[in-house]
């Protein structure tokens, strides 16, 4: 694992902790920073990171707190409080 991937993992942990402490602005900052690191180093973000972040507002999603999770016809639909929706298939 290279330095950029380790930094992305660390920023993911920091974003999760900041969101749990009730500091959404700091969590959003960590998410944006991780995305910037991934872009500059041409890396894809880990699936766990992509599933828990909003593509529109960069918020770290916490189901029941700032995100709604529903199951519809073989898909998980996650709705952020900004109104953006993400759909993921499940089997």
N, C-alpha and C. Protein backbone atom coordinates (compact mmCIF):
# COMPACT_ATOMS: atom_id res chain seq x y z
N UNK A 1 0.85 -1.18 0.00
CA UNK A 1 0.00 0.00 0.00
C UNK A 1 0.89 1.24 0.00
N UNK A 2 0.61 2.14 -0.90
CA UNK A 2 1.44 3.34 -0.98
C UNK A 2 0.94 4.43 -0.03
N UNK A 3 1.66 5.50 -0.02
CA UNK A 3 1.40 6.58 0.94
C UNK A 3 0.03 7.20 0.71
N UNK A 4 -0.35 7.41 -0.55
CA UNK A 4 -1.63 8.05 -0.85
C UNK A 4 -2.80 7.18 -0.37
N UNK A 5 -2.72 5.87 -0.59
CA UNK A 5 -3.79 4.98 -0.14
C UNK A 5 -3.90 4.96 1.38
N UNK A 6 -2.76 5.00 2.06
CA UNK A 6 -2.78 5.05 3.52
C UNK A 6 -3.41 6.36 4.01
N UNK A 7 -3.10 7.44 3.32
CA UNK A 7 -3.67 8.73 3.70
C UNK A 7 -5.18 8.76 3.49
N UNK A 8 -5.65 8.15 2.42
CA UNK A 8 -7.09 8.08 2.16
C UNK A 8 -7.78 7.28 3.26
N UNK A 9 -7.18 6.17 3.66
CA UNK A 9 -7.76 5.37 4.75
C UNK A 9 -7.82 6.16 6.05
N UNK A 10 -6.75 6.89 6.34
CA UNK A 10 -6.71 7.70 7.56
C UNK A 10 -7.76 8.81 7.52
N UNK A 11 -7.92 9.45 6.37
CA UNK A 11 -8.94 10.49 6.24
C UNK A 11 -10.34 9.92 6.37
N UNK A 12 -10.53 8.68 5.90
CA UNK A 12 -11.82 8.01 6.08
C UNK A 12 -12.13 7.81 7.56
N UNK A 13 -11.15 7.36 8.31
CA UNK A 13 -11.34 7.17 9.75
C UNK A 13 -11.63 8.51 10.44
N UNK A 14 -10.90 9.56 10.05
CA UNK A 14 -11.12 10.88 10.65
C UNK A 14 -12.51 11.42 10.31
N UNK A 15 -12.97 11.21 9.08
CA UNK A 15 -14.30 11.67 8.69
C UNK A 15 -15.38 10.93 9.47
N UNK A 16 -15.20 9.62 9.65
CA UNK A 16 -16.16 8.84 10.43
C UNK A 16 -16.22 9.33 11.87
N UNK A 17 -15.06 9.58 12.47
CA UNK A 17 -15.01 10.04 13.85
C UNK A 17 -15.63 11.44 13.99
N UNK A 18 -15.34 12.32 13.05
CA UNK A 18 -15.89 13.68 13.11
C UNK A 18 -17.41 13.66 12.96
N UNK A 19 -17.93 12.81 12.08
CA UNK A 19 -19.38 12.71 11.91
C UNK A 19 -20.02 12.13 13.17
N UNK A 20 -19.37 11.19 13.81
CA UNK A 20 -19.91 10.60 15.04
C UNK A 20 -19.92 11.61 16.18
N UNK A 21 -18.97 12.54 16.18
CA UNK A 21 -18.90 13.55 17.23
C UNK A 21 -19.84 14.72 16.97
N UNK A 22 -20.54 14.70 15.84
CA UNK A 22 -21.48 15.76 15.54
C UNK A 22 -20.84 16.99 14.90
N UNK A 23 -19.75 16.79 14.16
CA UNK A 23 -19.08 17.89 13.48
C UNK A 23 -19.10 17.63 11.97
N UNK A 24 -20.24 17.90 11.33
CA UNK A 24 -20.36 17.57 9.90
C UNK A 24 -19.45 18.40 8.99
N UNK A 25 -19.13 19.63 9.38
CA UNK A 25 -18.26 20.45 8.53
C UNK A 25 -16.84 19.89 8.48
N UNK A 26 -16.35 19.43 9.63
CA UNK A 26 -15.02 18.84 9.64
C UNK A 26 -15.00 17.52 8.88
N UNK A 27 -16.06 16.72 9.00
CA UNK A 27 -16.16 15.47 8.25
C UNK A 27 -16.18 15.75 6.75
N UNK A 28 -16.91 16.77 6.35
CA UNK A 28 -16.98 17.16 4.93
C UNK A 28 -15.60 17.59 4.43
N UNK A 29 -14.85 18.29 5.25
CA UNK A 29 -13.49 18.71 4.89
C UNK A 29 -12.61 17.49 4.64
N UNK A 30 -12.69 16.48 5.52
CA UNK A 30 -11.88 15.27 5.35
C UNK A 30 -12.28 14.51 4.09
N UNK A 31 -13.57 14.46 3.78
CA UNK A 31 -14.02 13.77 2.58
C UNK A 31 -13.48 14.47 1.34
N UNK A 32 -13.56 15.79 1.31
CA UNK A 32 -13.04 16.54 0.15
C UNK A 32 -11.54 16.35 0.01
N UNK A 33 -10.83 16.35 1.11
CA UNK A 33 -9.39 16.17 1.08
C UNK A 33 -9.03 14.77 0.55
N UNK A 34 -9.76 13.76 0.98
CA UNK A 34 -9.50 12.39 0.51
C UNK A 34 -9.77 12.27 -0.99
N UNK A 35 -10.83 12.91 -1.46
CA UNK A 35 -11.11 12.86 -2.89
C UNK A 35 -10.03 13.56 -3.69
N UNK A 36 -9.51 14.65 -3.17
CA UNK A 36 -8.44 15.37 -3.85
C UNK A 36 -7.17 14.54 -3.91
N UNK A 37 -6.84 13.84 -2.81
CA UNK A 37 -5.66 12.98 -2.79
C UNK A 37 -5.81 11.86 -3.82
N UNK A 38 -7.01 11.28 -3.89
CA UNK A 38 -7.25 10.19 -4.85
C UNK A 38 -7.14 10.69 -6.29
N UNK A 39 -7.66 11.87 -6.57
CA UNK A 39 -7.59 12.42 -7.92
C UNK A 39 -6.15 12.70 -8.33
N UNK A 40 -5.39 13.29 -7.45
CA UNK A 40 -4.01 13.66 -7.79
C UNK A 40 -3.12 12.43 -8.00
N UNK A 41 -3.45 11.35 -7.32
CA UNK A 41 -2.64 10.14 -7.44
C UNK A 41 -3.28 9.08 -8.33
N UNK A 42 -4.37 9.44 -8.98
CA UNK A 42 -5.09 8.54 -9.90
C UNK A 42 -5.47 7.22 -9.24
N UNK A 43 -6.05 7.33 -8.05
CA UNK A 43 -6.51 6.17 -7.32
C UNK A 43 -8.03 6.19 -7.25
N UNK A 44 -8.62 5.01 -7.15
CA UNK A 44 -10.05 4.96 -6.89
C UNK A 44 -10.26 4.89 -5.39
N UNK A 45 -11.30 5.54 -4.93
CA UNK A 45 -11.61 5.49 -3.50
C UNK A 45 -12.13 4.11 -3.15
N UNK A 46 -11.84 3.63 -1.94
CA UNK A 46 -12.36 2.32 -1.52
C UNK A 46 -13.89 2.30 -1.53
N UNK A 47 -14.47 1.15 -1.77
CA UNK A 47 -15.92 1.03 -1.85
C UNK A 47 -16.60 1.49 -0.56
N UNK A 48 -16.03 1.14 0.57
CA UNK A 48 -16.63 1.55 1.85
C UNK A 48 -16.66 3.07 1.98
N UNK A 49 -15.66 3.74 1.44
CA UNK A 49 -15.61 5.20 1.49
C UNK A 49 -16.65 5.80 0.54
N UNK A 50 -16.76 5.26 -0.67
CA UNK A 50 -17.71 5.78 -1.65
C UNK A 50 -19.15 5.59 -1.19
N UNK A 51 -19.43 4.47 -0.53
CA UNK A 51 -20.80 4.20 -0.12
C UNK A 51 -21.27 5.10 1.02
N UNK A 52 -20.35 5.63 1.80
CA UNK A 52 -20.73 6.44 2.95
C UNK A 52 -20.46 7.93 2.76
N UNK A 53 -20.32 8.36 1.51
CA UNK A 53 -20.16 9.79 1.24
C UNK A 53 -21.14 10.21 0.16
N UNK A 54 -21.62 11.43 0.25
CA UNK A 54 -22.54 11.99 -0.73
C UNK A 54 -21.73 12.59 -1.87
N UNK A 55 -22.10 12.28 -3.10
CA UNK A 55 -21.39 12.81 -4.25
C UNK A 55 -21.70 14.29 -4.49
N UNK A 56 -22.85 14.73 -4.05
CA UNK A 56 -23.26 16.12 -4.30
C UNK A 56 -22.66 17.09 -3.29
N UNK A 57 -22.80 16.80 -1.99
CA UNK A 57 -22.39 17.77 -0.97
C UNK A 57 -21.19 17.31 -0.15
N UNK A 58 -20.63 16.15 -0.45
CA UNK A 58 -19.44 15.61 0.22
C UNK A 58 -19.66 15.32 1.70
N UNK A 59 -20.88 15.15 2.12
CA UNK A 59 -21.16 14.83 3.53
C UNK A 59 -20.81 13.37 3.80
N UNK A 60 -20.37 13.08 5.02
CA UNK A 60 -20.16 11.69 5.43
C UNK A 60 -21.50 11.18 5.93
N UNK A 61 -22.04 10.16 5.29
CA UNK A 61 -23.40 9.70 5.56
C UNK A 61 -23.45 8.75 6.75
N UNK A 62 -24.39 9.03 7.64
CA UNK A 62 -24.66 8.17 8.77
C UNK A 62 -26.13 7.80 8.73
N UNK A 63 -26.45 6.54 8.41
CA UNK A 63 -27.86 6.15 8.29
C UNK A 63 -28.64 6.45 9.57
N UNK A 64 -29.78 7.09 9.38
CA UNK A 64 -30.62 7.45 10.52
C UNK A 64 -30.29 8.82 11.08
N UNK A 65 -29.13 9.35 10.76
CA UNK A 65 -28.72 10.66 11.25
C UNK A 65 -28.88 11.71 10.15
N UNK A 66 -28.14 11.56 9.06
CA UNK A 66 -28.26 12.49 7.96
C UNK A 66 -28.51 11.77 6.62
N UNK A 67 -28.83 10.49 6.69
CA UNK A 67 -29.11 9.73 5.47
C UNK A 67 -30.25 8.75 5.72
N UNK A 68 -31.05 8.55 4.68
CA UNK A 68 -32.16 7.60 4.75
C UNK A 68 -31.82 6.41 3.85
N UNK A 69 -32.00 5.21 4.36
CA UNK A 69 -31.67 3.99 3.61
C UNK A 69 -32.95 3.20 3.40
N UNK A 70 -33.23 2.88 2.14
CA UNK A 70 -34.43 2.11 1.79
C UNK A 70 -34.03 0.99 0.83
N UNK A 71 -34.81 -0.08 0.84
CA UNK A 71 -34.60 -1.19 -0.09
C UNK A 71 -35.72 -1.17 -1.12
N UNK A 72 -35.36 -1.20 -2.41
CA UNK A 72 -36.36 -1.17 -3.48
C UNK A 72 -35.93 -2.08 -4.62
N UNK A 73 -36.68 -3.12 -4.87
CA UNK A 73 -36.51 -3.96 -6.05
C UNK A 73 -35.06 -4.33 -6.35
N UNK A 74 -34.37 -4.87 -5.38
CA UNK A 74 -33.00 -5.31 -5.62
C UNK A 74 -31.96 -4.22 -5.53
N UNK A 75 -32.34 -3.05 -5.02
CA UNK A 75 -31.40 -1.95 -4.87
C UNK A 75 -31.49 -1.36 -3.47
N UNK A 76 -30.37 -0.86 -3.00
CA UNK A 76 -30.33 -0.06 -1.79
C UNK A 76 -30.34 1.39 -2.25
N UNK A 77 -31.28 2.18 -1.77
CA UNK A 77 -31.37 3.59 -2.14
C UNK A 77 -31.01 4.41 -0.91
N UNK A 78 -29.94 5.18 -1.02
CA UNK A 78 -29.49 6.03 0.08
C UNK A 78 -29.75 7.47 -0.31
N UNK A 79 -30.53 8.17 0.53
CA UNK A 79 -30.88 9.55 0.26
C UNK A 79 -30.21 10.44 1.30
N UNK A 80 -29.40 11.37 0.83
CA UNK A 80 -28.73 12.33 1.71
C UNK A 80 -29.72 13.41 2.11
N UNK A 81 -29.41 14.16 3.16
CA UNK A 81 -30.30 15.24 3.58
C UNK A 81 -30.31 16.39 2.57
N UNK A 82 -29.34 16.45 1.65
CA UNK A 82 -29.35 17.47 0.62
C UNK A 82 -30.30 17.10 -0.52
N UNK A 83 -30.78 15.84 -0.53
CA UNK A 83 -31.72 15.40 -1.55
C UNK A 83 -31.11 14.47 -2.59
N UNK A 84 -29.80 14.34 -2.60
CA UNK A 84 -29.14 13.46 -3.58
C UNK A 84 -29.39 12.00 -3.23
N UNK A 85 -29.55 11.18 -4.25
CA UNK A 85 -29.80 9.76 -4.05
C UNK A 85 -28.70 8.94 -4.70
N UNK A 86 -28.35 7.82 -4.05
CA UNK A 86 -27.41 6.86 -4.62
C UNK A 86 -28.07 5.50 -4.57
N UNK A 87 -27.92 4.74 -5.63
CA UNK A 87 -28.54 3.41 -5.73
C UNK A 87 -27.44 2.37 -5.92
N UNK A 88 -27.50 1.31 -5.11
CA UNK A 88 -26.53 0.23 -5.21
C UNK A 88 -27.28 -1.08 -5.28
N UNK A 89 -26.90 -1.98 -6.19
CA UNK A 89 -27.59 -3.28 -6.28
C UNK A 89 -27.16 -4.20 -5.13
N UNK A 90 -28.06 -5.10 -4.78
CA UNK A 90 -27.72 -6.15 -3.84
C UNK A 90 -28.36 -7.44 -4.30
N UNK A 91 -27.80 -8.56 -3.87
CA UNK A 91 -28.33 -9.86 -4.28
C UNK A 91 -28.95 -10.56 -3.12
